[in-house]
């Protein structure tokens, strides 16, 4: 586990207007639908209750209910204020607040508690997990599933722009499994997902189940990867800075595809002088907004038709094929570079 010891939660605000959805990607949609179906099938959740901590716009809870779960309850302070808090004909109830709710007794009645892409934002993840564990009913075994970014690809690829301030903690399978065990859960299953970019660790409150957390120990591998990263990331940064400077000298038009946290970091670290003049995203909620720090206007892919780029920097390689296909449909054939 890697932690930012200087992290200051007061510098951040997760509320109305927070936008970090991956759901506009067909590739991601295929993954998340498969993830929901897998949970339903393996944990026999047909007709059962599901809870999600950090539910976003409720789309994952919808998938769970549509694939067989009887009901869902979600918590998220950044839930869109213009959307109804009751979904799927009353089968899903959204609470527009952080978890656990303030001033309430915490007694969760759910067969599965899922928490996706949240734990890395929590300054004290052990305390957070202990709070969840303490609120689950003692007379009912509950399965929990936690999904977080996988630290290993970032370390192996030396991509410093993958490390974002909002993620105060980064996990490996072993470190997350160990943390769940320390919080009082019995770890049952763990695996890498989404082309190794995510990890999912599952556990139960059932004390009769053997804890498997020790099986996933990866401390030696993590230590070695961190040591190599400390040496290599500066060279990777310098290489990209020079590549963009060369493109500028040659008069090339450069666009960047992907304006999530990685893209914002990339522009601020590698291109503060705005050699990259165009920032593309497929999320329409971002159109017309500006990239923090460097100021590029976020535009749809179709905007490239009028100003064809010579080079497109793809921020996340997992979407390379999807982006190539989009460019082909637009009649564009720029050089593609993976950040």
C-alpha atoms as a PDB file:
ATOM      1  CA  UNK A   1       0.000   0.000   0.000  1.00  0.00           C
ATOM      2  CA  UNK A   2       1.323   3.449  -0.929  1.00  0.00           C
ATOM      3  CA  UNK A   3       0.005   6.480   0.959  1.00  0.00           C
ATOM      4  CA  UNK A   4       0.366  10.246   0.556  1.00  0.00           C
ATOM      5  CA  UNK A   5       1.293  11.249   4.099  1.00  0.00           C
ATOM      6  CA  UNK A   6       0.903  14.962   3.243  1.00  0.00           C
ATOM      7  CA  UNK A   7      -2.649  14.521   1.952  1.00  0.00           C
ATOM      8  CA  UNK A   8      -5.057  17.279   3.039  1.00  0.00           C
ATOM      9  CA  UNK A   9      -8.716  16.330   2.616  1.00  0.00           C
ATOM     10  CA  UNK A  10      -9.763  19.966   3.087  1.00  0.00           C
ATOM     11  CA  UNK A  11      -8.371  20.790  -0.352  1.00  0.00           C
ATOM     12  CA  UNK A  12     -10.991  18.581  -2.005  1.00  0.00           C
ATOM     13  CA  UNK A  13     -14.753  18.756  -2.394  1.00  0.00           C
ATOM     14  CA  UNK A  14     -16.930  15.894  -3.609  1.00  0.00           C
ATOM     15  CA  UNK A  15     -20.318  17.412  -4.206  1.00  0.00           C
ATOM     16  CA  UNK A  16     -22.664  18.574  -6.924  1.00  0.00           C
ATOM     17  CA  UNK A  17     -20.901  18.840 -10.248  1.00  0.00           C
ATOM     18  CA  UNK A  18     -18.238  16.226  -9.534  1.00  0.00           C
ATOM     19  CA  UNK A  19     -17.899  14.307 -12.801  1.00  0.00           C
ATOM     20  CA  UNK A  20     -15.705  11.246 -13.220  1.00  0.00           C
ATOM     21  CA  UNK A  21     -17.881   8.780 -15.123  1.00  0.00           C
ATOM     22  CA  UNK A  22     -16.326   6.172 -17.421  1.00  0.00           C
ATOM     23  CA  UNK A  23     -19.721   5.010 -18.602  1.00  0.00           C
ATOM     24  CA  UNK A  24     -19.593   6.639 -22.036  1.00  0.00           C
ATOM     25  CA  UNK A  25     -16.982   4.122 -23.197  1.00  0.00           C
ATOM     26  CA  UNK A  26     -18.330   0.972 -24.861  1.00  0.00           C
ATOM     27  CA  UNK A  27     -15.277  -0.912 -23.615  1.00  0.00           C
ATOM     28  CA  UNK A  28     -15.993   0.115 -20.033  1.00  0.00           C
ATOM     29  CA  UNK A  29     -19.677  -0.713 -20.431  1.00  0.00           C
ATOM     30  CA  UNK A  30     -18.739  -4.238 -21.448  1.00  0.00           C
ATOM     31  CA  UNK A  31     -16.558  -4.574 -18.374  1.00  0.00           C
ATOM     32  CA  UNK A  32     -19.021  -3.186 -15.848  1.00  0.00           C
ATOM     33  CA  UNK A  33     -21.933  -5.234 -17.165  1.00  0.00           C
ATOM     34  CA  UNK A  34     -19.815  -8.365 -16.912  1.00  0.00           C
ATOM     35  CA  UNK A  35     -18.757  -7.414 -13.388  1.00  0.00           C
ATOM     36  CA  UNK A  36     -22.373  -7.027 -12.263  1.00  0.00           C
ATOM     37  CA  UNK A  37     -23.427 -10.344 -13.800  1.00  0.00           C
ATOM     38  CA  UNK A  38     -20.446 -12.117 -12.246  1.00  0.00           C
ATOM     39  CA  UNK A  39     -21.313 -10.862  -8.749  1.00  0.00           C
ATOM     40  CA  UNK A  40     -24.958 -11.865  -9.158  1.00  0.00           C
ATOM     41  CA  UNK A  41     -24.095 -15.363 -10.346  1.00  0.00           C
ATOM     42  CA  UNK A  42     -21.216 -16.238  -8.016  1.00  0.00           C
ATOM     43  CA  UNK A  43     -22.912 -14.926  -4.877  1.00  0.00           C
ATOM     44  CA  UNK A  44     -26.431 -16.094  -5.784  1.00  0.00           C
ATOM     45  CA  UNK A  45     -27.906 -12.609  -5.433  1.00  0.00           C
ATOM     46  CA  UNK A  46     -31.122 -13.229  -7.342  1.00  0.00           C
ATOM     47  CA  UNK A  47     -33.887 -11.785  -5.187  1.00  0.00           C
ATOM     48  CA  UNK A  48     -31.387 -10.403  -2.673  1.00  0.00           C
ATOM     49  CA  UNK A  49     -30.530  -6.889  -1.441  1.00  0.00           C
ATOM     50  CA  UNK A  50     -27.449  -4.968  -2.596  1.00  0.00           C
ATOM     51  CA  UNK A  51     -25.906  -1.820  -1.157  1.00  0.00           C
ATOM     52  CA  UNK A  52     -23.325   0.433  -2.840  1.00  0.00           C
ATOM     53  CA  UNK A  53     -21.125   2.928  -1.021  1.00  0.00           C
ATOM     54  CA  UNK A  54     -20.140   5.682  -3.455  1.00  0.00           C
ATOM     55  CA  UNK A  55     -22.840   4.853  -5.983  1.00  0.00           C
ATOM     56  CA  UNK A  56     -22.254   7.780  -8.371  1.00  0.00           C
ATOM     57  CA  UNK A  57     -25.314   8.208 -10.555  1.00  0.00           C
ATOM     58  CA  UNK A  58     -26.721   4.837  -9.489  1.00  0.00           C
ATOM     59  CA  UNK A  59     -25.925   3.116 -12.777  1.00  0.00           C
ATOM     60  CA  UNK A  60     -24.198   0.117 -11.182  1.00  0.00           C
ATOM     61  CA  UNK A  61     -27.089  -0.439  -8.778  1.00  0.00           C
ATOM     62  CA  UNK A  62     -29.388  -0.352 -11.795  1.00  0.00           C
ATOM     63  CA  UNK A  63     -27.312  -3.081 -13.434  1.00  0.00           C
ATOM     64  CA  UNK A  64     -27.466  -5.214 -10.307  1.00  0.00           C
ATOM     65  CA  UNK A  65     -31.247  -4.912 -10.068  1.00  0.00           C
ATOM     66  CA  UNK A  66     -31.719  -5.454 -13.807  1.00  0.00           C
ATOM     67  CA  UNK A  67     -29.661  -8.638 -13.545  1.00  0.00           C
ATOM     68  CA  UNK A  68     -31.616 -10.166 -10.698  1.00  0.00           C
ATOM     69  CA  UNK A  69     -31.060  -8.376  -7.388  1.00  0.00           C
ATOM     70  CA  UNK A  70     -34.322  -7.548  -5.630  1.00  0.00           C
ATOM     71  CA  UNK A  71     -33.361  -4.116  -4.315  1.00  0.00           C
ATOM     72  CA  UNK A  72     -30.535  -1.636  -3.916  1.00  0.00           C
ATOM     73  CA  UNK A  73     -29.538   1.199  -1.641  1.00  0.00           C
ATOM     74  CA  UNK A  74     -26.840   3.720  -2.514  1.00  0.00           C
ATOM     75  CA  UNK A  75     -24.881   6.459  -0.761  1.00  0.00           C
ATOM     76  CA  UNK A  76     -23.100   9.313  -2.555  1.00  0.00           C
ATOM     77  CA  UNK A  77     -22.885  13.065  -1.765  1.00  0.00           C
ATOM     78  CA  UNK A  78     -22.146  13.827  -5.440  1.00  0.00           C
ATOM     79  CA  UNK A  79     -25.311  12.177  -6.761  1.00  0.00           C
ATOM     80  CA  UNK A  80     -26.761  14.453  -9.494  1.00  0.00           C
ATOM     81  CA  UNK A  81     -29.146  16.878  -7.752  1.00  0.00           C
ATOM     82  CA  UNK A  82     -31.546  16.969 -10.697  1.00  0.00           C
ATOM     83  CA  UNK A  83     -32.070  13.195 -10.698  1.00  0.00           C
ATOM     84  CA  UNK A  84     -34.704  11.259  -8.726  1.00  0.00           C
ATOM     85  CA  UNK A  85     -33.480   9.412  -5.654  1.00  0.00           C
ATOM     86  CA  UNK A  86     -35.884   6.528  -6.200  1.00  0.00           C
ATOM     87  CA  UNK A  87     -35.080   4.361  -9.225  1.00  0.00           C
ATOM     88  CA  UNK A  88     -36.271   1.197 -10.943  1.00  0.00           C
ATOM     89  CA  UNK A  89     -39.894   1.509  -9.781  1.00  0.00           C
ATOM     90  CA  UNK A  90     -38.921   1.973  -6.155  1.00  0.00           C
ATOM     91  CA  UNK A  91     -36.448  -0.898  -5.993  1.00  0.00           C
ATOM     92  CA  UNK A  92     -33.464   1.432  -5.579  1.00  0.00           C
ATOM     93  CA  UNK A  93     -33.167   4.195  -2.992  1.00  0.00           C
ATOM     94  CA  UNK A  94     -30.332   6.739  -3.192  1.00  0.00           C
ATOM     95  CA  UNK A  95     -29.135   8.728  -0.176  1.00  0.00           C
ATOM     96  CA  UNK A  96     -27.416  11.959  -1.238  1.00  0.00           C
ATOM     97  CA  UNK A  97     -24.871  11.930   1.566  1.00  0.00           C
ATOM     98  CA  UNK A  98     -21.595  10.359   2.560  1.00  0.00           C
ATOM     99  CA  UNK A  99     -21.395   6.955   4.139  1.00  0.00           C
ATOM    100  CA  UNK A 100     -21.974   6.301   6.987  1.00  0.00           C
ATOM    101  CA  UNK A 101     -24.889   8.739   7.358  1.00  0.00           C
ATOM    102  CA  UNK A 102     -24.445  11.255  10.137  1.00  0.00           C
ATOM    103  CA  UNK A 103     -26.392  10.867  13.339  1.00  0.00           C
ATOM    104  CA  UNK A 104     -27.856   7.502  12.399  1.00  0.00           C
ATOM    105  CA  UNK A 105     -27.402   4.026  13.771  1.00  0.00           C
ATOM    106  CA  UNK A 106     -25.602   1.969  11.162  1.00  0.00           C
ATOM    107  CA  UNK A 107     -27.411  -1.323  10.613  1.00  0.00           C
ATOM    108  CA  UNK A 108     -27.100  -2.336   6.989  1.00  0.00           C
ATOM    109  CA  UNK A 109     -29.424  -5.064   5.816  1.00  0.00           C
ATOM    110  CA  UNK A 110     -27.852  -6.223   2.575  1.00  0.00           C
ATOM    111  CA  UNK A 111     -26.593  -9.502   1.173  1.00  0.00           C
ATOM    112  CA  UNK A 112     -23.823  -7.756  -0.760  1.00  0.00           C
ATOM    113  CA  UNK A 113     -22.082  -4.477  -0.027  1.00  0.00           C
ATOM    114  CA  UNK A 114     -20.104  -3.196  -2.994  1.00  0.00           C
ATOM    115  CA  UNK A 115     -17.733  -0.237  -2.971  1.00  0.00           C
ATOM    116  CA  UNK A 116     -16.171   0.708  -6.301  1.00  0.00           C
ATOM    117  CA  UNK A 117     -13.412   3.287  -6.790  1.00  0.00           C
ATOM    118  CA  UNK A 118     -13.965   4.896  -3.382  1.00  0.00           C
ATOM    119  CA  UNK A 119     -11.457   3.483  -0.902  1.00  0.00           C
ATOM    120  CA  UNK A 120      -8.493   5.142  -2.636  1.00  0.00           C
ATOM    121  CA  UNK A 121     -10.092   8.529  -1.806  1.00  0.00           C
ATOM    122  CA  UNK A 122     -10.408   7.800   1.932  1.00  0.00           C
ATOM    123  CA  UNK A 123      -7.646   9.284   4.166  1.00  0.00           C
ATOM    124  CA  UNK A 124      -8.004   6.539   6.801  1.00  0.00           C
ATOM    125  CA  UNK A 125      -9.109   3.407   4.902  1.00  0.00           C
ATOM    126  CA  UNK A 126      -8.729   1.052   7.873  1.00  0.00           C
ATOM    127  CA  UNK A 127     -11.038   3.128  10.048  1.00  0.00           C
ATOM    128  CA  UNK A 128     -13.502   3.387   7.151  1.00  0.00           C
ATOM    129  CA  UNK A 129     -13.534  -0.399   6.734  1.00  0.00           C
ATOM    130  CA  UNK A 130     -13.880  -0.920  10.478  1.00  0.00           C
ATOM    131  CA  UNK A 131     -16.890   1.412  10.496  1.00  0.00           C
ATOM    132  CA  UNK A 132     -18.506  -0.615   7.739  1.00  0.00           C
ATOM    133  CA  UNK A 133     -17.690  -3.896   9.483  1.00  0.00           C
ATOM    134  CA  UNK A 134     -19.102  -2.662  12.787  1.00  0.00           C
ATOM    135  CA  UNK A 135     -22.379  -1.628  11.188  1.00  0.00           C
ATOM    136  CA  UNK A 136     -23.140  -4.917   9.487  1.00  0.00           C
ATOM    137  CA  UNK A 137     -25.615  -7.179  11.281  1.00  0.00           C
ATOM    138  CA  UNK A 138     -24.057  -9.852  13.492  1.00  0.00           C
ATOM    139  CA  UNK A 139     -26.780 -12.395  12.766  1.00  0.00           C
ATOM    140  CA  UNK A 140     -26.486 -12.233   8.976  1.00  0.00           C
ATOM    141  CA  UNK A 141     -23.435 -13.070   6.856  1.00  0.00           C
ATOM    142  CA  UNK A 142     -22.715 -10.259   4.409  1.00  0.00           C
ATOM    143  CA  UNK A 143     -20.412 -10.391   1.409  1.00  0.00           C
ATOM    144  CA  UNK A 144     -18.401  -7.275   0.581  1.00  0.00           C
ATOM    145  CA  UNK A 145     -16.628  -6.442  -2.690  1.00  0.00           C
ATOM    146  CA  UNK A 146     -14.124  -3.583  -2.966  1.00  0.00           C
ATOM    147  CA  UNK A 147     -12.785  -2.380  -6.314  1.00  0.00           C
ATOM    148  CA  UNK A 148      -9.862   0.058  -6.475  1.00  0.00           C
ATOM    149  CA  UNK A 149      -7.167   1.092  -8.971  1.00  0.00           C
ATOM    150  CA  UNK A 150      -4.265  -1.353  -9.202  1.00  0.00           C
ATOM    151  CA  UNK A 151      -0.946   0.244  -8.256  1.00  0.00           C
ATOM    152  CA  UNK A 152       1.210  -2.216 -10.195  1.00  0.00           C
ATOM    153  CA  UNK A 153       0.562  -1.013 -13.793  1.00  0.00           C
ATOM    154  CA  UNK A 154       1.343   2.570 -12.748  1.00  0.00           C
ATOM    155  CA  UNK A 155       4.634   1.515 -11.177  1.00  0.00           C
ATOM    156  CA  UNK A 156       5.590  -0.801 -14.022  1.00  0.00           C
ATOM    157  CA  UNK A 157       4.852   1.758 -16.753  1.00  0.00           C
ATOM    158  CA  UNK A 158       6.451   4.659 -14.823  1.00  0.00           C
ATOM    159  CA  UNK A 159       3.465   6.906 -15.569  1.00  0.00           C
ATOM    160  CA  UNK A 160       3.582   9.603 -12.914  1.00  0.00           C
ATOM    161  CA  UNK A 161       0.438  11.221 -14.355  1.00  0.00           C
ATOM    162  CA  UNK A 162      -1.493   8.173 -13.144  1.00  0.00           C
ATOM    163  CA  UNK A 163      -0.836   9.310  -9.573  1.00  0.00           C
ATOM    164  CA  UNK A 164      -3.472  11.862  -8.682  1.00  0.00           C
ATOM    165  CA  UNK A 165      -3.916  13.893  -5.517  1.00  0.00           C
ATOM    166  CA  UNK A 166      -7.474  12.711  -4.916  1.00  0.00           C
ATOM    167  CA  UNK A 167      -6.160   9.155  -4.566  1.00  0.00           C
ATOM    168  CA  UNK A 168      -4.440   9.423  -1.204  1.00  0.00           C
ATOM    169  CA  UNK A 169      -3.840   5.655  -1.066  1.00  0.00           C
ATOM    170  CA  UNK A 170      -2.914   3.137  -3.752  1.00  0.00           C
ATOM    171  CA  UNK A 171      -3.421  -0.586  -3.298  1.00  0.00           C
ATOM    172  CA  UNK A 172      -2.125  -3.891  -4.523  1.00  0.00           C
ATOM    173  CA  UNK A 173      -4.203  -7.037  -4.123  1.00  0.00           C
ATOM    174  CA  UNK A 174      -2.103  -8.053  -1.135  1.00  0.00           C
ATOM    175  CA  UNK A 175      -2.360  -4.726   0.681  1.00  0.00           C
ATOM    176  CA  UNK A 176      -6.129  -4.459   0.212  1.00  0.00           C
ATOM    177  CA  UNK A 177      -6.641  -8.060   1.313  1.00  0.00           C
ATOM    178  CA  UNK A 178      -4.521  -7.440   4.399  1.00  0.00           C
ATOM    179  CA  UNK A 179      -6.448  -4.259   5.236  1.00  0.00           C
ATOM    180  CA  UNK A 180      -9.813  -6.020   4.980  1.00  0.00           C
ATOM    181  CA  UNK A 181      -8.534  -8.752   7.279  1.00  0.00           C
ATOM    182  CA  UNK A 182      -7.320  -6.167   9.801  1.00  0.00           C
ATOM    183  CA  UNK A 183     -10.786  -4.582   9.719  1.00  0.00           C
ATOM    184  CA  UNK A 184     -12.404  -7.859  10.774  1.00  0.00           C
ATOM    185  CA  UNK A 185     -13.441  -9.375   7.442  1.00  0.00           C
ATOM    186  CA  UNK A 186     -12.555 -12.831   6.148  1.00  0.00           C
ATOM    187  CA  UNK A 187     -11.027 -12.459   2.685  1.00  0.00           C
ATOM    188  CA  UNK A 188     -12.409 -15.001   0.221  1.00  0.00           C
ATOM    189  CA  UNK A 189     -11.439 -13.938  -3.308  1.00  0.00           C
ATOM    190  CA  UNK A 190      -9.187 -11.461  -5.118  1.00  0.00           C
ATOM    191  CA  UNK A 191      -8.257 -10.795  -8.723  1.00  0.00           C
ATOM    192  CA  UNK A 192      -7.082  -8.160 -11.211  1.00  0.00           C
ATOM    193  CA  UNK A 193      -9.702  -6.811 -13.604  1.00  0.00           C
ATOM    194  CA  UNK A 194     -10.126  -4.327 -16.456  1.00  0.00           C
ATOM    195  CA  UNK A 195      -6.878  -5.234 -18.219  1.00  0.00           C
ATOM    196  CA  UNK A 196      -5.068  -5.161 -14.824  1.00  0.00           C
ATOM    197  CA  UNK A 197      -6.030  -1.534 -14.175  1.00  0.00           C
ATOM    198  CA  UNK A 198      -8.397  -2.436 -11.321  1.00  0.00           C
ATOM    199  CA  UNK A 199      -8.328  -4.974  -8.521  1.00  0.00           C
ATOM    200  CA  UNK A 200     -11.292  -6.468  -6.719  1.00  0.00           C
ATOM    201  CA  UNK A 201     -11.066  -8.089  -3.301  1.00  0.00           C
ATOM    202  CA  UNK A 202     -14.057  -9.855  -1.791  1.00  0.00           C
ATOM    203  CA  UNK A 203     -14.627 -10.823   1.814  1.00  0.00           C
ATOM    204  CA  UNK A 204     -17.334 -11.915   4.233  1.00  0.00           C
ATOM    205  CA  UNK A 205     -18.442 -11.237   7.785  1.00  0.00           C
ATOM    206  CA  UNK A 206     -18.964 -14.972   8.330  1.00  0.00           C
ATOM    207  CA  UNK A 207     -16.444 -15.903  11.049  1.00  0.00           C
ATOM    208  CA  UNK A 208     -16.642 -19.597  10.145  1.00  0.00           C
ATOM    209  CA  UNK A 209     -15.019 -18.928   6.757  1.00  0.00           C
ATOM    210  CA  UNK A 210     -11.238 -19.241   6.505  1.00  0.00           C
ATOM    211  CA  UNK A 211      -9.424 -15.952   5.887  1.00  0.00           C
ATOM    212  CA  UNK A 212      -7.315 -16.170   2.708  1.00  0.00           C
ATOM    213  CA  UNK A 213      -5.617 -12.769   2.941  1.00  0.00           C
ATOM    214  CA  UNK A 214      -2.136 -14.255   3.511  1.00  0.00           C
ATOM    215  CA  UNK A 215      -2.362 -16.079   0.165  1.00  0.00           C
ATOM    216  CA  UNK A 216      -2.275 -12.764  -1.679  1.00  0.00           C
ATOM    217  CA  UNK A 217       0.838 -11.326  -0.032  1.00  0.00           C
ATOM    218  CA  UNK A 218       2.822  -9.300  -2.581  1.00  0.00           C
ATOM    219  CA  UNK A 219       4.956  -7.084  -0.350  1.00  0.00           C
ATOM    220  CA  UNK A 220       8.275  -8.064  -1.942  1.00  0.00           C
ATOM    221  CA  UNK A 221       7.017  -7.425  -5.485  1.00  0.00           C
ATOM    222  CA  UNK A 222       5.471  -4.101  -4.442  1.00  0.00           C
ATOM    223  CA  UNK A 223       8.659  -2.914  -2.737  1.00  0.00           C
ATOM    224  CA  UNK A 224      10.754  -3.743  -5.807  1.00  0.00           C
ATOM    225  CA  UNK A 225       8.296  -1.988  -8.134  1.00  0.00           C
ATOM    226  CA  UNK A 226       8.309   1.171  -5.995  1.00  0.00           C
ATOM    227  CA  UNK A 227      12.118   1.279  -5.984  1.00  0.00           C
ATOM    228  CA  UNK A 228      12.270   0.986  -9.791  1.00  0.00           C
ATOM    229  CA  UNK A 229       9.568   3.630 -10.236  1.00  0.00           C
ATOM    230  CA  UNK A 230      11.501   6.155  -8.171  1.00  0.00           C
ATOM    231  CA  UNK A 231      14.364   5.931 -10.659  1.00  0.00           C
ATOM    232  CA  UNK A 232      12.449   5.676 -13.937  1.00  0.00           C
ATOM    233  CA  UNK A 233       9.531   8.129 -13.757  1.00  0.00           C
ATOM    234  CA  UNK A 234      11.663  11.249 -14.240  1.00  0.00           C
ATOM    235  CA  UNK A 235      13.085   9.882 -17.491  1.00  0.00           C
ATOM    236  CA  UNK A 236       9.583   9.058 -18.736  1.00  0.00           C
ATOM    237  CA  UNK A 237       8.507  12.615 -17.976  1.00  0.00           C
ATOM    238  CA  UNK A 238      11.542  14.109 -19.731  1.00  0.00           C
ATOM    239  CA  UNK A 239      11.012  11.898 -22.788  1.00  0.00           C
ATOM    240  CA  UNK A 240       7.435  13.114 -23.209  1.00  0.00           C
ATOM    241  CA  UNK A 241       8.388  16.747 -22.676  1.00  0.00           C
ATOM    242  CA  UNK A 242      10.972  16.463 -25.448  1.00  0.00           C
ATOM    243  CA  UNK A 243       8.577  14.608 -27.750  1.00  0.00           C
ATOM    244  CA  UNK A 244       6.019  17.400 -27.511  1.00  0.00           C
ATOM    245  CA  UNK A 245       8.701  20.047 -27.946  1.00  0.00           C
ATOM    246  CA  UNK A 246       9.797  18.280 -31.137  1.00  0.00           C
ATOM    247  CA  UNK A 247       6.200  18.204 -32.385  1.00  0.00           C
ATOM    248  CA  UNK A 248       5.976  21.949 -31.767  1.00  0.00           C
ATOM    249  CA  UNK A 249       9.208  22.591 -33.668  1.00  0.00           C
ATOM    250  CA  UNK A 250       7.836  20.597 -36.602  1.00  0.00           C
ATOM    251  CA  UNK A 251       4.575  22.544 -36.578  1.00  0.00           C
ATOM    252  CA  UNK A 252       2.444  19.494 -35.846  1.00  0.00           C
ATOM    253  CA  UNK A 253      -1.105  19.794 -34.537  1.00  0.00           C
ATOM    254  CA  UNK A 254      -1.399  17.684 -31.396  1.00  0.00           C
ATOM    255  CA  UNK A 255      -4.580  16.548 -29.650  1.00  0.00           C
ATOM    256  CA  UNK A 256      -5.010  14.649 -26.405  1.00  0.00           C
ATOM    257  CA  UNK A 257      -7.804  12.098 -25.978  1.00  0.00           C
ATOM    258  CA  UNK A 258      -9.020  11.598 -22.412  1.00  0.00           C
ATOM    259  CA  UNK A 259      -9.620  14.463 -19.957  1.00  0.00           C
ATOM    260  CA  UNK A 260     -10.027  12.519 -16.749  1.00  0.00           C
ATOM    261  CA  UNK A 261      -7.585  12.899 -13.884  1.00  0.00           C
ATOM    262  CA  UNK A 262      -4.776  11.241 -15.858  1.00  0.00           C
ATOM    263  CA  UNK A 263      -5.215  13.621 -18.762  1.00  0.00           C
ATOM    264  CA  UNK A 264      -5.272  16.666 -16.505  1.00  0.00           C
ATOM    265  CA  UNK A 265      -2.085  15.496 -14.793  1.00  0.00           C
ATOM    266  CA  UNK A 266      -0.408  14.744 -18.117  1.00  0.00           C
ATOM    267  CA  UNK A 267      -1.051  18.228 -19.480  1.00  0.00           C
ATOM    268  CA  UNK A 268       0.130  19.957 -16.316  1.00  0.00           C
ATOM    269  CA  UNK A 269       3.262  17.831 -15.917  1.00  0.00           C
ATOM    270  CA  UNK A 270       4.348  17.424 -19.529  1.00  0.00           C
ATOM    271  CA  UNK A 271       2.820  20.309 -21.474  1.00  0.00           C
ATOM    272  CA  UNK A 272       2.413  23.471 -19.385  1.00  0.00           C
ATOM    273  CA  UNK A 273       3.137  25.574 -22.511  1.00  0.00           C
ATOM    274  CA  UNK A 274       0.119  24.086 -24.348  1.00  0.00           C
ATOM    275  CA  UNK A 275       1.760  22.404 -27.305  1.00  0.00           C
ATOM    276  CA  UNK A 276      -1.323  20.208 -27.108  1.00  0.00           C
ATOM    277  CA  UNK A 277      -4.024  22.591 -28.229  1.00  0.00           C
ATOM    278  CA  UNK A 278      -6.984  20.243 -28.270  1.00  0.00           C
ATOM    279  CA  UNK A 279      -8.451  18.114 -25.449  1.00  0.00           C
ATOM    280  CA  UNK A 280     -10.932  15.439 -26.562  1.00  0.00           C
ATOM    281  CA  UNK A 281     -13.369  13.391 -24.496  1.00  0.00           C
ATOM    282  CA  UNK A 282     -16.463  11.290 -25.201  1.00  0.00           C
ATOM    283  CA  UNK A 283     -18.237  12.435 -22.028  1.00  0.00           C
ATOM    284  CA  UNK A 284     -20.714  15.149 -23.142  1.00  0.00           C
ATOM    285  CA  UNK A 285     -21.002  16.438 -19.576  1.00  0.00           C
ATOM    286  CA  UNK A 286     -17.491  17.868 -19.942  1.00  0.00           C
ATOM    287  CA  UNK A 287     -17.952  19.693 -23.248  1.00  0.00           C
ATOM    288  CA  UNK A 288     -17.231  23.410 -23.052  1.00  0.00           C
ATOM    289  CA  UNK A 289     -15.434  23.070 -19.729  1.00  0.00           C
ATOM    290  CA  UNK A 290     -11.723  23.767 -19.324  1.00  0.00           C
ATOM    291  CA  UNK A 291      -8.876  21.494 -18.253  1.00  0.00           C
ATOM    292  CA  UNK A 292      -7.711  22.520 -14.783  1.00  0.00           C
ATOM    293  CA  UNK A 293      -4.346  24.265 -14.802  1.00  0.00           C
ATOM    294  CA  UNK A 294      -3.709  24.402 -18.555  1.00  0.00           C
ATOM    295  CA  UNK A 295      -7.066  25.670 -19.793  1.00  0.00           C
ATOM    296  CA  UNK A 296      -7.788  23.654 -22.947  1.00  0.00           C
ATOM    297  CA  UNK A 297     -11.494  23.505 -23.786  1.00  0.00           C
ATOM    298  CA  UNK A 298     -12.849  19.951 -23.651  1.00  0.00           C
ATOM    299  CA  UNK A 299     -14.359  19.098 -27.032  1.00  0.00           C
ATOM    300  CA  UNK A 300     -16.127  16.125 -28.662  1.00  0.00           C
ATOM    301  CA  UNK A 301     -14.312  13.870 -31.163  1.00  0.00           C
ATOM    302  CA  UNK A 302     -16.280  15.424 -34.054  1.00  0.00           C
ATOM    303  CA  UNK A 303     -14.475  18.722 -33.474  1.00  0.00           C
ATOM    304  CA  UNK A 304     -11.333  17.155 -34.943  1.00  0.00           C
ATOM    305  CA  UNK A 305     -12.865  17.090 -38.428  1.00  0.00           C
ATOM    306  CA  UNK A 306     -12.412  20.831 -38.947  1.00  0.00           C
ATOM    307  CA  UNK A 307      -8.890  20.826 -37.482  1.00  0.00           C
ATOM    308  CA  UNK A 308      -7.380  17.396 -38.187  1.00  0.00           C
ATOM    309  CA  UNK A 309      -4.520  16.542 -35.816  1.00  0.00           C
ATOM    310  CA  UNK A 310      -1.174  15.144 -36.903  1.00  0.00           C
ATOM    311  CA  UNK A 311      -0.716  13.391 -33.575  1.00  0.00           C
ATOM    312  CA  UNK A 312      -3.236  12.115 -31.017  1.00  0.00           C
ATOM    313  CA  UNK A 313      -1.964  11.310 -27.529  1.00  0.00           C
ATOM    314  CA  UNK A 314      -4.080   8.543 -25.980  1.00  0.00           C
ATOM    315  CA  UNK A 315      -3.969   8.936 -22.217  1.00  0.00           C
ATOM    316  CA  UNK A 316      -5.209   5.459 -21.301  1.00  0.00           C
ATOM    317  CA  UNK A 317      -3.991   2.630 -23.522  1.00  0.00           C
ATOM    318  CA  UNK A 318      -6.971   0.475 -22.604  1.00  0.00           C
ATOM    319  CA  UNK A 319      -9.091   2.638 -24.928  1.00  0.00           C
ATOM    320  CA  UNK A 320      -6.653   2.602 -27.858  1.00  0.00           C
ATOM    321  CA  UNK A 321      -8.731   0.359 -30.129  1.00  0.00           C
ATOM    322  CA  UNK A 322     -11.927   2.245 -29.315  1.00  0.00           C
ATOM    323  CA  UNK A 323     -10.236   5.565 -30.129  1.00  0.00           C
ATOM    324  CA  UNK A 324      -8.688   4.258 -33.344  1.00  0.00           C
ATOM    325  CA  UNK A 325     -12.132   3.117 -34.480  1.00  0.00           C
ATOM    326  CA  UNK A 326     -13.644   6.513 -33.646  1.00  0.00           C
ATOM    327  CA  UNK A 327     -10.948   8.307 -35.634  1.00  0.00           C
ATOM    328  CA  UNK A 328     -11.479   5.944 -38.558  1.00  0.00           C
ATOM    329  CA  UNK A 329     -15.204   6.722 -38.583  1.00  0.00           C
ATOM    330  CA  UNK A 330     -14.342  10.427 -38.678  1.00  0.00           C
ATOM    331  CA  UNK A 331     -12.093   9.839 -41.682  1.00  0.00           C
ATOM    332  CA  UNK A 332      -8.946  10.767 -39.747  1.00  0.00           C
ATOM    333  CA  UNK A 333      -5.609   8.948 -39.778  1.00  0.00           C
ATOM    334  CA  UNK A 334      -3.287  10.746 -37.349  1.00  0.00           C
ATOM    335  CA  UNK A 335      -0.287   9.207 -35.647  1.00  0.00           C
ATOM    336  CA  UNK A 336      -1.303   7.611 -32.336  1.00  0.00           C
ATOM    337  CA  UNK A 337       0.920   7.810 -29.261  1.00  0.00           C
ATOM    338  CA  UNK A 338       0.174   6.080 -25.959  1.00  0.00           C
ATOM    339  CA  UNK A 339       0.941   8.187 -22.899  1.00  0.00           C
END
